[in-house]
PDB file of N, CA and C in Angstrom:
ATOM      1  N   MET A   1       0.854  -1.180   0.000  1.00  0.00           N
ATOM      2  CA  MET A   1       0.000   0.000   0.000  1.00  0.00           C
ATOM      3  C   MET A   1       0.889   1.229   0.000  1.00  0.00           C
ATOM      4  N   PHE A   2       0.525   2.175  -0.797  1.00  0.00           N
ATOM      5  CA  PHE A   2       1.215   3.453  -0.812  1.00  0.00           C
ATOM      6  C   PHE A   2       0.156   4.507  -0.548  1.00  0.00           C
ATOM      7  N   GLY A   3       0.132   4.993   0.691  1.00  0.00           N
ATOM      8  CA  GLY A   3      -0.978   5.864   1.082  1.00  0.00           C
ATOM      9  C   GLY A   3      -2.239   5.028   1.108  1.00  0.00           C
ATOM     10  N   GLN A   4      -3.242   5.437   0.379  1.00  0.00           N
ATOM     11  CA  GLN A   4      -4.492   4.681   0.274  1.00  0.00           C
ATOM     12  C   GLN A   4      -4.555   3.843  -0.999  1.00  0.00           C
ATOM     13  N   GLN A   5      -3.521   3.911  -1.821  1.00  0.00           N
ATOM     14  CA  GLN A   5      -3.538   3.224  -3.109  1.00  0.00           C
ATOM     15  C   GLN A   5      -2.696   1.953  -3.067  1.00  0.00           C
ATOM     16  N   ARG A   6      -3.240   0.864  -3.596  1.00  0.00           N
ATOM     17  CA  ARG A   6      -2.485  -0.384  -3.695  1.00  0.00           C
ATOM     18  C   ARG A   6      -1.586  -0.288  -4.927  1.00  0.00           C
ATOM     19  N   VAL A   7      -0.313  -0.549  -4.720  1.00  0.00           N
ATOM     20  CA  VAL A   7       0.666  -0.484  -5.798  1.00  0.00           C
ATOM     21  C   VAL A   7       1.315  -1.851  -5.909  1.00  0.00           C
ATOM     22  N   ARG A   8       1.439  -2.358  -7.134  1.00  0.00           N
ATOM     23  CA  ARG A   8       2.008  -3.688  -7.335  1.00  0.00           C
ATOM     24  C   ARG A   8       3.160  -3.620  -8.318  1.00  0.00           C
ATOM     25  N   LEU A   9       4.111  -4.506  -8.116  1.00  0.00           N
ATOM     26  CA  LEU A   9       5.205  -4.688  -9.047  1.00  0.00           C
ATOM     27  C   LEU A   9       5.093  -6.110  -9.576  1.00  0.00           C
ATOM     28  N   TYR A  10       4.985  -6.243 -10.879  1.00  0.00           N
ATOM     29  CA  TYR A  10       4.927  -7.558 -11.504  1.00  0.00           C
ATOM     30  C   TYR A  10       6.302  -7.855 -12.090  1.00  0.00           C
ATOM     31  N   ILE A  11       6.840  -9.020 -11.777  1.00  0.00           N
ATOM     32  CA  ILE A  11       8.147  -9.423 -12.285  1.00  0.00           C
ATOM     33  C   ILE A  11       7.931 -10.564 -13.268  1.00  0.00           C
ATOM     34  N   ILE A  12       8.391 -10.368 -14.490  1.00  0.00           N
ATOM     35  CA  ILE A  12       8.292 -11.397 -15.513  1.00  0.00           C
ATOM     36  C   ILE A  12       9.713 -11.767 -15.915  1.00  0.00           C
ATOM     37  N   ALA A  13      10.118 -12.978 -15.597  1.00  0.00           N
ATOM     38  CA  ALA A  13      11.475 -13.428 -15.910  1.00  0.00           C
ATOM     39  C   ALA A  13      11.551 -13.881 -17.362  1.00  0.00           C
ATOM     40  N   GLY A  14      12.723 -13.737 -17.949  1.00  0.00           N
ATOM     41  CA  GLY A  14      12.976 -14.250 -19.289  1.00  0.00           C
ATOM     42  C   GLY A  14      12.475 -13.377 -20.419  1.00  0.00           C
ATOM     43  N   VAL A  15      12.215 -12.113 -20.167  1.00  0.00           N
ATOM     44  CA  VAL A  15      11.768 -11.212 -21.232  1.00  0.00           C
ATOM     45  C   VAL A  15      12.948 -10.950 -22.157  1.00  0.00           C
ATOM     46  N   LYS A  16      12.747 -11.159 -23.453  1.00  0.00           N
ATOM     47  CA  LYS A  16      13.829 -10.962 -24.417  1.00  0.00           C
ATOM     48  C   LYS A  16      14.109  -9.477 -24.595  1.00  0.00           C
ATOM     49  N   ASP A  17      15.363  -9.166 -24.887  1.00  0.00           N
ATOM     50  CA  ASP A  17      15.760  -7.763 -24.997  1.00  0.00           C
ATOM     51  C   ASP A  17      15.154  -7.052 -26.199  1.00  0.00           C
ATOM     52  N   ASP A  18      14.634  -7.781 -27.165  1.00  0.00           N
ATOM     53  CA  ASP A  18      14.032  -7.123 -28.325  1.00  0.00           C
ATOM     54  C   ASP A  18      12.499  -7.074 -28.241  1.00  0.00           C
ATOM     55  N   THR A  19      11.949  -7.349 -27.063  1.00  0.00           N
ATOM     56  CA  THR A  19      10.504  -7.287 -26.868  1.00  0.00           C
ATOM     57  C   THR A  19      10.015  -5.857 -27.054  1.00  0.00           C
ATOM     58  N   ALA A  20       8.977  -5.689 -27.855  1.00  0.00           N
ATOM     59  CA  ALA A  20       8.393  -4.359 -28.073  1.00  0.00           C
ATOM     60  C   ALA A  20       7.272  -4.162 -27.055  1.00  0.00           C
ATOM     61  N   PHE A  21       7.469  -3.228 -26.152  1.00  0.00           N
ATOM     62  CA  PHE A  21       6.457  -2.926 -25.151  1.00  0.00           C
ATOM     63  C   PHE A  21       5.521  -1.867 -25.717  1.00  0.00           C
ATOM     64  N   ALA A  22       4.227  -2.056 -25.547  1.00  0.00           N
ATOM     65  CA  ALA A  22       3.248  -1.118 -26.090  1.00  0.00           C
ATOM     66  C   ALA A  22       2.164  -0.866 -25.045  1.00  0.00           C
ATOM     67  N   PRO A  23       2.404   0.086 -24.127  1.00  0.00           N
ATOM     68  CA  PRO A  23       1.387   0.372 -23.110  1.00  0.00           C
ATOM     69  C   PRO A  23       0.128   0.941 -23.745  1.00  0.00           C
ATOM     70  N   LEU A  24      -1.016   0.611 -23.165  1.00  0.00           N
ATOM     71  CA  LEU A  24      -2.292   1.087 -23.693  1.00  0.00           C
ATOM     72  C   LEU A  24      -2.752   2.378 -23.035  1.00  0.00           C
ATOM     73  N   THR A  25      -2.046   2.824 -22.017  1.00  0.00           N
ATOM     74  CA  THR A  25      -2.415   4.072 -21.349  1.00  0.00           C
ATOM     75  C   THR A  25      -1.929   5.256 -22.168  1.00  0.00           C
ATOM     76  N   LYS A  26      -2.614   6.366 -22.030  1.00  0.00           N
ATOM     77  CA  LYS A  26      -2.217   7.575 -22.751  1.00  0.00           C
ATOM     78  C   LYS A  26      -1.715   8.607 -21.760  1.00  0.00           C
ATOM     79  N   LYS A  27      -0.571   9.184 -22.061  1.00  0.00           N
ATOM     80  CA  LYS A  27       0.033  10.265 -21.283  1.00  0.00           C
ATOM     81  C   LYS A  27       0.393   9.863 -19.852  1.00  0.00           C
ATOM     82  N   GLU A  28       0.490   8.575 -19.573  1.00  0.00           N
ATOM     83  CA  GLU A  28       0.912   8.130 -18.243  1.00  0.00           C
ATOM     84  C   GLU A  28       2.330   7.595 -18.269  1.00  0.00           C
ATOM     85  N   ILE A  29       2.697   6.920 -19.343  1.00  0.00           N
ATOM     86  CA  ILE A  29       4.017   6.316 -19.454  1.00  0.00           C
ATOM     87  C   ILE A  29       4.750   7.008 -20.596  1.00  0.00           C
ATOM     88  N   SER A  30       5.835   7.709 -20.268  1.00  0.00           N
ATOM     89  CA  SER A  30       6.565   8.427 -21.309  1.00  0.00           C
ATOM     90  C   SER A  30       7.621   7.556 -21.977  1.00  0.00           C
ATOM     91  N   GLU A  31       8.122   6.545 -21.268  1.00  0.00           N
ATOM     92  CA  GLU A  31       9.180   5.721 -21.826  1.00  0.00           C
ATOM     93  C   GLU A  31       9.287   4.415 -21.049  1.00  0.00           C
ATOM     94  N   ILE A  32       9.534   3.345 -21.782  1.00  0.00           N
ATOM     95  CA  ILE A  32       9.851   2.059 -21.168  1.00  0.00           C
ATOM     96  C   ILE A  32      11.260   1.723 -21.618  1.00  0.00           C
ATOM     97  N   ALA A  33      12.154   1.514 -20.663  1.00  0.00           N
ATOM     98  CA  ALA A  33      13.552   1.257 -21.007  1.00  0.00           C
ATOM     99  C   ALA A  33      14.196   0.386 -19.941  1.00  0.00           C
ATOM    100  N   TRP A  34      15.215  -0.352 -20.334  1.00  0.00           N
ATOM    101  CA  TRP A  34      15.996  -1.145 -19.403  1.00  0.00           C
ATOM    102  C   TRP A  34      16.922  -0.203 -18.646  1.00  0.00           C
ATOM    103  N   GLN A  35      17.027  -0.389 -17.351  1.00  0.00           N
ATOM    104  CA  GLN A  35      17.907   0.424 -16.508  1.00  0.00           C
ATOM    105  C   GLN A  35      18.769  -0.497 -15.654  1.00  0.00           C
ATOM    106  N   ARG A  36      19.997  -0.084 -15.412  1.00  0.00           N
ATOM    107  CA  ARG A  36      20.879  -0.849 -14.525  1.00  0.00           C
ATOM    108  C   ARG A  36      20.429  -0.633 -13.087  1.00  0.00           C
ATOM    109  N   LEU A  37      20.263  -1.707 -12.341  1.00  0.00           N
ATOM    110  CA  LEU A  37      19.839  -1.587 -10.945  1.00  0.00           C
ATOM    111  C   LEU A  37      20.867  -0.865 -10.088  1.00  0.00           C
ATOM    112  N   ASP A  38      22.140  -1.065 -10.383  1.00  0.00           N
ATOM    113  CA  ASP A  38      23.161  -0.403  -9.575  1.00  0.00           C
ATOM    114  C   ASP A  38      23.223   1.102  -9.830  1.00  0.00           C
ATOM    115  N   GLU A  39      22.506   1.593 -10.841  1.00  0.00           N
ATOM    116  CA  GLU A  39      22.461   3.029 -11.115  1.00  0.00           C
ATOM    117  C   GLU A  39      21.198   3.688 -10.565  1.00  0.00           C
ATOM    118  N   LEU A  40      20.310   2.907  -9.988  1.00  0.00           N
ATOM    119  CA  LEU A  40      19.088   3.464  -9.411  1.00  0.00           C
ATOM    120  C   LEU A  40      19.354   3.854  -7.969  1.00  0.00           C
ATOM    121  N   GLN A  41      19.000   5.062  -7.633  1.00  0.00           N
ATOM    122  CA  GLN A  41      19.273   5.602  -6.306  1.00  0.00           C
ATOM    123  C   GLN A  41      18.038   5.485  -5.418  1.00  0.00           C
ATOM    124  N   PRO A  42      18.182   4.939  -4.217  1.00  0.00           N
ATOM    125  CA  PRO A  42      17.046   4.983  -3.289  1.00  0.00           C
ATOM    126  C   PRO A  42      16.824   6.431  -2.858  1.00  0.00           C
ATOM    127  N   THR A  43      15.597   6.786  -2.553  1.00  0.00           N
ATOM    128  CA  THR A  43      15.315   8.153  -2.127  1.00  0.00           C
ATOM    129  C   THR A  43      15.642   8.307  -0.653  1.00  0.00           C
ATOM    130  N   SER A  44      15.886   9.531  -0.246  1.00  0.00           N
ATOM    131  CA  SER A  44      16.151   9.782   1.171  1.00  0.00           C
ATOM    132  C   SER A  44      14.856   9.734   1.973  1.00  0.00           C
ATOM    133  N   ASP A  45      13.739   9.997   1.311  1.00  0.00           N
ATOM    134  CA  ASP A  45      12.425   9.961   1.949  1.00  0.00           C
ATOM    135  C   ASP A  45      11.715   8.687   1.503  1.00  0.00           C
ATOM    136  N   GLU A  46      11.418   7.787   2.434  1.00  0.00           N
ATOM    137  CA  GLU A  46      10.794   6.507   2.089  1.00  0.00           C
ATOM    138  C   GLU A  46       9.436   6.663   1.426  1.00  0.00           C
ATOM    139  N   LYS A  47       8.764   7.788   1.644  1.00  0.00           N
ATOM    140  CA  LYS A  47       7.435   7.980   1.071  1.00  0.00           C
ATOM    141  C   LYS A  47       7.481   8.679  -0.282  1.00  0.00           C
ATOM    142  N   SER A  48       8.662   8.994  -0.770  1.00  0.00           N
ATOM    143  CA  SER A  48       8.791   9.684  -2.049  1.00  0.00           C
ATOM    144  C   SER A  48       8.465   8.732  -3.194  1.00  0.00           C
ATOM    145  N   VAL A  49       7.730   9.213  -4.182  1.00  0.00           N
ATOM    146  CA  VAL A  49       7.370   8.386  -5.331  1.00  0.00           C
ATOM    147  C   VAL A  49       8.289   8.634  -6.514  1.00  0.00           C
ATOM    148  N   ILE A  50       9.053   9.714  -6.476  1.00  0.00           N
ATOM    149  CA  ILE A  50       9.957  10.030  -7.577  1.00  0.00           C
ATOM    150  C   ILE A  50      11.391   9.911  -7.087  1.00  0.00           C
ATOM    151  N   SER A  51      12.178   9.101  -7.793  1.00  0.00           N
ATOM    152  CA  SER A  51      13.593   8.973  -7.489  1.00  0.00           C
ATOM    153  C   SER A  51      14.366   9.267  -8.766  1.00  0.00           C
ATOM    154  N   ARG A  52      15.667   9.258  -8.674  1.00  0.00           N
ATOM    155  CA  ARG A  52      16.500   9.544  -9.840  1.00  0.00           C
ATOM    156  C   ARG A  52      17.575   8.476  -9.987  1.00  0.00           C
ATOM    157  N   SER A  53      17.975   8.272 -11.244  1.00  0.00           N
ATOM    158  CA  SER A  53      19.127   7.411 -11.489  1.00  0.00           C
ATOM    159  C   SER A  53      20.369   8.279 -11.358  1.00  0.00           C
ATOM    160  N   ILE A  54      21.545   7.678 -11.408  1.00  0.00           N
ATOM    161  CA  ILE A  54      22.759   8.483 -11.280  1.00  0.00           C
ATOM    162  C   ILE A  54      22.947   9.396 -12.483  1.00  0.00           C
ATOM    163  N   THR A  55      22.249   9.126 -13.581  1.00  0.00           N
ATOM    164  CA  THR A  55      22.316   9.998 -14.758  1.00  0.00           C
ATOM    165  C   THR A  55      21.313  11.139 -14.677  1.00  0.00           C
ATOM    166  N   GLY A  56      20.486  11.162 -13.622  1.00  0.00           N
ATOM    167  CA  GLY A  56      19.516  12.236 -13.446  1.00  0.00           C
ATOM    168  C   GLY A  56      18.127  11.910 -13.965  1.00  0.00           C
ATOM    169  N   LEU A  57      17.936  10.736 -14.550  1.00  0.00           N
ATOM    170  CA  LEU A  57      16.636  10.337 -15.069  1.00  0.00           C
ATOM    171  C   LEU A  57      15.629  10.234 -13.934  1.00  0.00           C
ATOM    172  N   LYS A  58      14.469  10.864 -14.091  1.00  0.00           N
ATOM    173  CA  LYS A  58      13.426  10.786 -13.068  1.00  0.00           C
ATOM    174  C   LYS A  58      12.645   9.485 -13.239  1.00  0.00           C
ATOM    175  N   LEU A  59      12.495   8.769 -12.149  1.00  0.00           N
ATOM    176  CA  LEU A  59      11.799   7.487 -12.164  1.00  0.00           C
ATOM    177  C   LEU A  59      10.643   7.540 -11.176  1.00  0.00           C
ATOM    178  N   TYR A  60       9.465   7.150 -11.627  1.00  0.00           N
ATOM    179  CA  TYR A  60       8.270   7.204 -10.799  1.00  0.00           C
ATOM    180  C   TYR A  60       7.986   5.832 -10.200  1.00  0.00           C
ATOM    181  N   MET A  61       7.801   5.769  -8.902  1.00  0.00           N
ATOM    182  CA  MET A  61       7.438   4.552  -8.159  1.00  0.00           C
ATOM    183  C   MET A  61       8.460   3.420  -8.295  1.00  0.00           C
ATOM    184  N   VAL A  62       9.730   3.749  -8.374  1.00  0.00           N
ATOM    185  CA  VAL A  62      10.777   2.736  -8.423  1.00  0.00           C
ATOM    186  C   VAL A  62      11.357   2.490  -7.032  1.00  0.00           C
ATOM    187  N   ALA A  63      11.647   3.556  -6.318  1.00  0.00           N
ATOM    188  CA  ALA A  63      12.315   3.457  -5.014  1.00  0.00           C
ATOM    189  C   ALA A  63      11.627   2.516  -4.026  1.00  0.00           C
ATOM    190  N   PRO A  64      10.289   2.519  -3.919  1.00  0.00           N
ATOM    191  CA  PRO A  64       9.664   1.611  -2.942  1.00  0.00           C
ATOM    192  C   PRO A  64       9.904   0.126  -3.234  1.00  0.00           C
ATOM    193  N   PHE A  65      10.280  -0.204  -4.475  1.00  0.00           N
ATOM    194  CA  PHE A  65      10.450  -1.601  -4.861  1.00  0.00           C
ATOM    195  C   PHE A  65      11.908  -2.038  -4.965  1.00  0.00           C
ATOM    196  N   LEU A  66      12.867  -1.133  -4.822  1.00  0.00           N
ATOM    197  CA  LEU A  66      14.269  -1.480  -5.068  1.00  0.00           C
ATOM    198  C   LEU A  66      14.767  -2.631  -4.200  1.00  0.00           C
ATOM    199  N   ALA A  67      14.556  -2.576  -2.912  1.00  0.00           N
ATOM    200  CA  ALA A  67      15.076  -3.622  -2.022  1.00  0.00           C
ATOM    201  C   ALA A  67      14.467  -4.985  -2.342  1.00  0.00           C
ATOM    202  N   SER A  68      13.150  -5.044  -2.511  1.00  0.00           N
ATOM    203  CA  SER A  68      12.517  -6.336  -2.796  1.00  0.00           C
ATOM    204  C   SER A  68      12.865  -6.833  -4.196  1.00  0.00           C
ATOM    205  N   LEU A  69      13.042  -5.933  -5.152  1.00  0.00           N
ATOM    206  CA  LEU A  69      13.421  -6.330  -6.506  1.00  0.00           C
ATOM    207  C   LEU A  69      14.833  -6.912  -6.524  1.00  0.00           C
ATOM    208  N   LYS A  70      15.767  -6.264  -5.856  1.00  0.00           N
ATOM    209  CA  LYS A  70      17.136  -6.780  -5.792  1.00  0.00           C
ATOM    210  C   LYS A  70      17.176  -8.132  -5.080  1.00  0.00           C
ATOM    211  N   SER A  71      16.379  -8.294  -4.048  1.00  0.00           N
ATOM    212  CA  SER A  71      16.311  -9.562  -3.331  1.00  0.00           C
ATOM    213  C   SER A  71      15.772 -10.668  -4.238  1.00  0.00           C
ATOM    214  N   TRP A  72      14.716 -10.375  -5.002  1.00  0.00           N
ATOM    215  CA  TRP A  72      14.133 -11.366  -5.906  1.00  0.00           C
ATOM    216  C   TRP A  72      15.144 -11.768  -6.969  1.00  0.00           C
ATOM    217  N   ILE A  73      15.833 -10.801  -7.542  1.00  0.00           N
ATOM    218  CA  ILE A  73      16.809 -11.090  -8.593  1.00  0.00           C
ATOM    219  C   ILE A  73      17.940 -11.961  -8.057  1.00  0.00           C
ATOM    220  N   SER A  74      18.428 -11.660  -6.860  1.00  0.00           N
ATOM    221  CA  SER A  74      19.536 -12.452  -6.317  1.00  0.00           C
ATOM    222  C   SER A  74      19.121 -13.888  -6.010  1.00  0.00           C
ATOM    223  N   SER A  75      17.856 -14.112  -5.707  1.00  0.00           N
ATOM    224  CA  SER A  75      17.406 -15.477  -5.420  1.00  0.00           C
ATOM    225  C   SER A  75      16.881 -16.209  -6.652  1.00  0.00           C
ATOM    226  N   HIS A  76      16.796 -15.538  -7.790  1.00  0.00           N
ATOM    227  CA  HIS A  76      16.298 -16.159  -9.023  1.00  0.00           C
ATOM    228  C   HIS A  76      17.281 -15.973 -10.177  1.00  0.00           C
ATOM    229  N   GLN A  77      18.545 -16.251  -9.913  1.00  0.00           N
ATOM    230  CA  GLN A  77      19.553 -16.129 -10.965  1.00  0.00           C
ATOM    231  C   GLN A  77      19.287 -17.168 -12.046  1.00  0.00           C
ATOM    232  N   PRO A  78      19.437 -16.789 -13.322  1.00  0.00           N
ATOM    233  CA  PRO A  78      19.239 -17.772 -14.391  1.00  0.00           C
ATOM    234  C   PRO A  78      20.349 -18.818 -14.363  1.00  0.00           C
ATOM    235  N   PRO A  79      20.007 -20.061 -14.702  1.00  0.00           N
ATOM    236  CA  PRO A  79      21.044 -21.093 -14.723  1.00  0.00           C
ATOM    237  C   PRO A  79      22.032 -20.809 -15.855  1.00  0.00           C
ATOM    238  N   VAL A  80      23.295 -20.955 -15.549  1.00  0.00           N
ATOM    239  CA  VAL A  80      24.336 -20.724 -16.545  1.00  0.00           C
ATOM    240  C   VAL A  80      25.167 -21.992 -16.643  1.00  0.00           C
ATOM    241  N   ALA A  81      25.245 -22.538 -17.851  1.00  0.00           N
ATOM    242  CA  ALA A  81      26.057 -23.735 -18.050  1.00  0.00           C
ATOM    243  C   ALA A  81      27.528 -23.359 -17.936  1.00  0.00           C
ATOM    244  N   PRO A  82      28.321 -24.153 -17.216  1.00  0.00           N
ATOM    245  CA  PRO A  82      29.743 -23.829 -17.087  1.00  0.00           C
ATOM    246  C   PRO A  82      30.447 -23.929 -18.438  1.00  0.00           C
ATOM    247  N   ARG A  83      31.238 -22.908 -18.731  1.00  0.00           N
ATOM    248  CA  ARG A  83      32.031 -22.909 -19.960  1.00  0.00           C
ATOM    249  C   ARG A  83      33.488 -22.724 -19.562  1.00  0.00           C
ATOM    250  N   PRO A  84      34.366 -23.582 -20.041  1.00  0.00           N
ATOM    251  CA  PRO A  84      35.766 -23.484 -19.635  1.00  0.00           C
ATOM    252  C   PRO A  84      36.437 -22.188 -20.095  1.00  0.00           C
ATOM    253  N   ASP A  85      35.935 -21.567 -21.156  1.00  0.00           N
ATOM    254  CA  ASP A  85      36.564 -20.351 -21.673  1.00  0.00           C
ATOM    255  C   ASP A  85      36.041 -19.078 -21.011  1.00  0.00           C
ATOM    256  N   MET A  86      35.075 -19.200 -20.095  1.00  0.00           N
ATOM    257  CA  MET A  86      34.485 -18.030 -19.453  1.00  0.00           C
ATOM    258  C   MET A  86      34.676 -18.114 -17.941  1.00  0.00           C
ATOM    259  N   PRO A  87      35.067 -17.011 -17.301  1.00  0.00           N
ATOM    260  CA  PRO A  87      35.146 -17.016 -15.836  1.00  0.00           C
ATOM    261  C   PRO A  87      33.747 -17.070 -15.242  1.00  0.00           C
ATOM    262  N   LEU A  88      33.616 -17.587 -14.024  1.00  0.00           N
ATOM    263  CA  LEU A  88      32.306 -17.696 -13.399  1.00  0.00           C
ATOM    264  C   LEU A  88      31.833 -16.391 -12.787  1.00  0.00           C
ATOM    265  N   LYS A  89      32.717 -15.447 -12.579  1.00  0.00           N
ATOM    266  CA  LYS A  89      32.312 -14.184 -11.976  1.00  0.00           C
ATOM    267  C   LYS A  89      32.134 -13.116 -13.046  1.00  0.00           C
ATOM    268  N   ALA A  90      31.196 -12.211 -12.796  1.00  0.00           N
ATOM    269  CA  ALA A  90      30.949 -11.036 -13.633  1.00  0.00           C
ATOM    270  C   ALA A  90      30.588 -11.384 -15.068  1.00  0.00           C
ATOM    271  N   MET A  91      29.804 -12.427 -15.234  1.00  0.00           N
ATOM    272  CA  MET A  91      29.346 -12.773 -16.574  1.00  0.00           C
ATOM    273  C   MET A  91      28.156 -11.910 -16.949  1.00  0.00           C
ATOM    274  N   CYS A  92      28.105 -11.486 -18.182  1.00  0.00           N
ATOM    275  CA  CYS A  92      26.950 -10.748 -18.678  1.00  0.00           C
ATOM    276  C   CYS A  92      25.891 -11.777 -19.037  1.00  0.00           C
ATOM    277  N   VAL A  93      24.730 -11.716 -18.422  1.00  0.00           N
ATOM    278  CA  VAL A  93      23.707 -12.719 -18.683  1.00  0.00           C
ATOM    279  C   VAL A  93      22.607 -12.227 -19.610  1.00  0.00           C
ATOM    280  N   TRP A  94      22.494 -10.938 -19.807  1.00  0.00           N
ATOM    281  CA  TRP A  94      21.557 -10.440 -20.807  1.00  0.00           C
ATOM    282  C   TRP A  94      21.936  -9.037 -21.216  1.00  0.00           C
ATOM    283  N   LYS A  95      21.497  -8.661 -22.406  1.00  0.00           N
ATOM    284  CA  LYS A  95      21.714  -7.306 -22.896  1.00  0.00           C
ATOM    285  C   LYS A  95      20.353  -6.729 -23.234  1.00  0.00           C
ATOM    286  N   ALA A  96      20.202  -5.459 -23.038  1.00  0.00           N
ATOM    287  CA  ALA A  96      18.929  -4.815 -23.329  1.00  0.00           C
ATOM    288  C   ALA A  96      19.182  -3.552 -24.121  1.00  0.00           C
ATOM    289  N   ARG A  97      18.384  -3.328 -25.134  1.00  0.00           N
ATOM    290  CA  ARG A  97      18.506  -2.121 -25.937  1.00  0.00           C
ATOM    291  C   ARG A  97      17.538  -1.083 -25.457  1.00  0.00           C
ATOM    292  N   ASN A  98      17.996   0.110 -25.389  1.00  0.00           N
ATOM    293  CA  ASN A  98      17.154   1.251 -25.050  1.00  0.00           C
ATOM    294  C   ASN A  98      17.006   2.039 -26.335  1.00  0.00           C
ATOM    295  N   ASN A  99      15.847   1.982 -26.975  1.00  0.00           N
ATOM    296  CA  ASN A  99      15.641   2.595 -28.274  1.00  0.00           C
ATOM    297  C   ASN A  99      15.162   4.030 -28.209  1.00  0.00           C
ATOM    298  N   SER A 100      15.183   4.640 -27.051  1.00  0.00           N
ATOM    299  CA  SER A 100      14.618   5.972 -26.934  1.00  0.00           C
ATOM    300  C   SER A 100      15.643   7.049 -27.259  1.00  0.00           C
ATOM    301  N   ILE A 101      15.322   7.879 -28.139  1.00  0.00           N
ATOM    302  CA  ILE A 101      16.049   9.096 -28.475  1.00  0.00           C
ATOM    303  C   ILE A 101      17.557   8.864 -28.584  1.00  0.00           C
ATOM    304  N   GLY A 102      17.929   7.956 -29.428  1.00  0.00           N
ATOM    305  CA  GLY A 102      19.332   7.756 -29.747  1.00  0.00           C
ATOM    306  C   GLY A 102      20.203   7.175 -28.649  1.00  0.00           C
ATOM    307  N   SER A 103      19.624   6.581 -27.654  1.00  0.00           N
ATOM    308  CA  SER A 103      20.428   6.000 -26.578  1.00  0.00           C
ATOM    309  C   SER A 103      21.136   4.753 -27.076  1.00  0.00           C
ATOM    310  N   GLY A 104      22.203   4.393 -26.437  1.00  0.00           N
ATOM    311  CA  GLY A 104      22.958   3.217 -26.824  1.00  0.00           C
ATOM    312  C   GLY A 104      22.463   1.971 -26.124  1.00  0.00           C
ATOM    313  N   THR A 105      23.289   0.966 -26.125  1.00  0.00           N
ATOM    314  CA  THR A 105      22.942  -0.301 -25.501  1.00  0.00           C
ATOM    315  C   THR A 105      23.266  -0.259 -24.017  1.00  0.00           C
ATOM    316  N   VAL A 106      22.368  -0.766 -23.213  1.00  0.00           N
ATOM    317  CA  VAL A 106      22.584  -0.873 -21.776  1.00  0.00           C
ATOM    318  C   VAL A 106      22.884  -2.330 -21.486  1.00  0.00           C
ATOM    319  N   ILE A 107      23.969  -2.604 -20.801  1.00  0.00           N
ATOM    320  CA  ILE A 107      24.328  -3.982 -20.483  1.00  0.00           C
ATOM    321  C   ILE A 107      24.105  -4.206 -18.999  1.00  0.00           C
ATOM    322  N   MET A 108      23.302  -5.213 -18.682  1.00  0.00           N
ATOM    323  CA  MET A 108      23.050  -5.559 -17.287  1.00  0.00           C
ATOM    324  C   MET A 108      23.882  -6.793 -16.982  1.00  0.00           C
ATOM    325  N   GLU A 109      24.591  -6.766 -15.879  1.00  0.00           N
ATOM    326  CA  GLU A 109      25.469  -7.866 -15.535  1.00  0.00           C
ATOM    327  C   GLU A 109      25.003  -8.569 -14.278  1.00  0.00           C
ATOM    328  N   SER A 110      25.317  -9.838 -14.217  1.00  0.00           N
ATOM    329  CA  SER A 110      25.029 -10.619 -13.030  1.00  0.00           C
ATOM    330  C   SER A 110      26.343 -11.175 -12.513  1.00  0.00           C
ATOM    331  N   HIS A 111      26.606 -10.985 -11.239  1.00  0.00           N
ATOM    332  CA  HIS A 111      27.829 -11.514 -10.639  1.00  0.00           C
ATOM    333  C   HIS A 111      27.513 -12.869 -10.033  1.00  0.00           C
ATOM    334  N   ILE A 112      27.998 -13.911 -10.670  1.00  0.00           N
ATOM    335  CA  ILE A 112      27.707 -15.280 -10.251  1.00  0.00           C
ATOM    336  C   ILE A 112      28.909 -15.821  -9.492  1.00  0.00           C
ATOM    337  N   LYS A 113      28.654 -16.342  -8.311  1.00  0.00           N
ATOM    338  CA  LYS A 113      29.748 -16.859  -7.481  1.00  0.00           C
ATOM    339  C   LYS A 113      29.835 -18.347  -7.598  1.00  0.00           C
TER     340      LYS A 113
END
């Protein structure tokens, strides 16, 4: 609950990086893009709905979910087959493209121990 409003975060694992997201709402969602979790800043005020990334991007309703999202991700790591030519730590497990306004590729990494 956030105030009097119920707010939910839905986590869908295995979404491909080339998935085209098409929200049906008008003027509510300005952009859908992949963001690095380590670049998302928690807010100083727990009740704040707007937080910022380290690049200054304003994010709505992200901060209340950061701790639980990071916890879910750490407990649901994708299985990685051992490869002799690859180290087990700091493997890139997926790449995501951010197609908004000329942005480049964002690489999300998983540190597997």
